[in-house]
Amino acid sequence: MYQTKAKIEGMMCNMCETHIAEAIRKAVPSAKKVKADRRKKQATFLTEEKVDLDALEAAIQETGYDYLGAECLPCQKKGLFGRF
């Protein structure tokens, strides 16, 4: 399992967060637990495989927001019920 964190500039409201989440789901159909946060200026999600960061960048740039970079790191389940 991999967790991807993308730094994104320009989100101002809940609708902006929704646009980013939709763009990620479209670019990475296998993405799970997609969450965009305007306050943290980032979006996070989980995948079984490593993500093509170039495709992710293109999808986010296409929405009009500024993609500032991303990292895709292995993660392991934590806790009693296997939450991440």
Protein backbone atom coordinates (compact mmCIF):
# COMPACT_ATOMS: atom_id res chain seq x y z
CA MET A 1 0.00 0.00 0.00
CA TYR A 2 1.24 3.51 -0.86
CA GLN A 3 0.21 6.90 0.45
CA THR A 4 0.57 9.84 -1.89
CA LYS A 5 0.70 13.43 -0.64
CA ALA A 6 0.45 16.19 -3.23
CA LYS A 7 1.15 19.82 -2.37
CA ILE A 8 -1.38 22.08 -4.07
CA GLU A 9 -1.70 25.86 -4.01
CA GLY A 10 -4.87 27.78 -4.78
CA MET A 11 -7.64 25.88 -2.98
CA MET A 12 -9.90 28.43 -1.25
CA CYS A 13 -13.12 26.60 -0.33
CA ASN A 14 -14.87 23.24 -0.05
CA MET A 15 -15.68 23.25 -3.75
CA CYS A 16 -11.98 23.63 -4.56
CA GLU A 17 -11.26 20.58 -2.41
CA THR A 18 -13.95 18.68 -4.29
CA HIS A 19 -12.47 19.66 -7.68
CA ILE A 20 -9.05 18.38 -6.62
CA ALA A 21 -10.47 15.12 -5.25
CA GLU A 22 -12.40 14.52 -8.48
CA ALA A 23 -9.30 15.24 -10.59
CA ILE A 24 -7.29 12.74 -8.53
CA ARG A 25 -9.98 10.05 -8.84
CA LYS A 26 -10.05 10.58 -12.60
CA ALA A 27 -6.24 10.48 -12.99
CA VAL A 28 -5.78 7.60 -10.52
CA PRO A 29 -8.88 5.36 -10.69
CA SER A 30 -7.47 3.02 -8.03
CA ALA A 31 -7.15 5.85 -5.46
CA LYS A 32 -8.85 5.25 -2.12
CA LYS A 33 -9.54 7.60 0.79
CA VAL A 34 -8.97 10.68 -1.37
CA LYS A 35 -8.92 13.83 0.75
CA ALA A 36 -8.02 17.38 -0.23
CA ASP A 37 -7.39 19.97 2.48
CA ARG A 38 -7.16 23.65 1.59
CA ARG A 39 -5.73 24.60 5.00
CA LYS A 40 -2.85 22.15 4.71
CA LYS A 41 -2.56 22.90 0.98
CA GLN A 42 -2.38 19.22 0.15
CA ALA A 43 -4.27 16.20 -1.04
CA THR A 44 -3.70 12.66 0.19
CA PHE A 45 -4.83 9.25 -0.98
CA LEU A 46 -3.96 5.55 -0.88
CA THR A 47 -3.21 3.12 -3.70
CA GLU A 48 -2.03 -0.46 -4.02
CA GLU A 49 0.63 0.50 -6.61
CA LYS A 50 2.98 3.47 -6.94
CA VAL A 51 1.38 6.47 -8.62
CA ASP A 52 2.52 8.05 -11.88
CA LEU A 53 3.32 11.50 -10.48
CA ASP A 54 3.52 13.06 -13.95
CA ALA A 55 -0.09 12.03 -14.68
CA LEU A 56 -1.14 13.35 -11.26
CA GLU A 57 0.58 16.66 -11.94
CA ALA A 58 -1.10 16.99 -15.34
CA ALA A 59 -4.55 16.28 -13.86
CA ILE A 60 -4.15 18.86 -11.10
CA GLN A 61 -2.66 21.52 -13.40
CA GLU A 62 -5.59 20.95 -15.79
CA THR A 63 -8.01 22.03 -13.03
CA GLY A 64 -6.24 25.40 -12.72
CA TYR A 65 -4.60 24.84 -9.34
CA ASP A 66 -0.85 24.97 -8.79
CA TYR A 67 0.82 21.59 -8.31
CA LEU A 68 3.87 22.05 -6.08
CA GLY A 69 5.07 18.46 -5.99
CA ALA A 70 4.15 15.10 -4.51
CA GLU A 71 5.61 12.08 -2.81
CA CYS A 72 4.44 8.49 -2.97
CA LEU A 73 5.65 6.48 0.01
CA PRO A 74 4.96 2.95 1.27
CA CYS A 75 2.69 2.81 4.30
CA GLN A 76 1.47 0.09 6.61
CA LYS A 77 -1.79 -0.41 8.40
CA LYS A 78 -1.82 0.80 11.99
CA GLY A 79 -3.99 0.11 14.97
CA LEU A 80 -6.43 -2.55 15.99
CA PHE A 81 -8.74 -2.22 12.98
CA GLY A 82 -6.10 -1.67 10.31
CA ARG A 83 -6.59 2.04 9.79
CA PHE A 84 -3.94 4.12 8.05
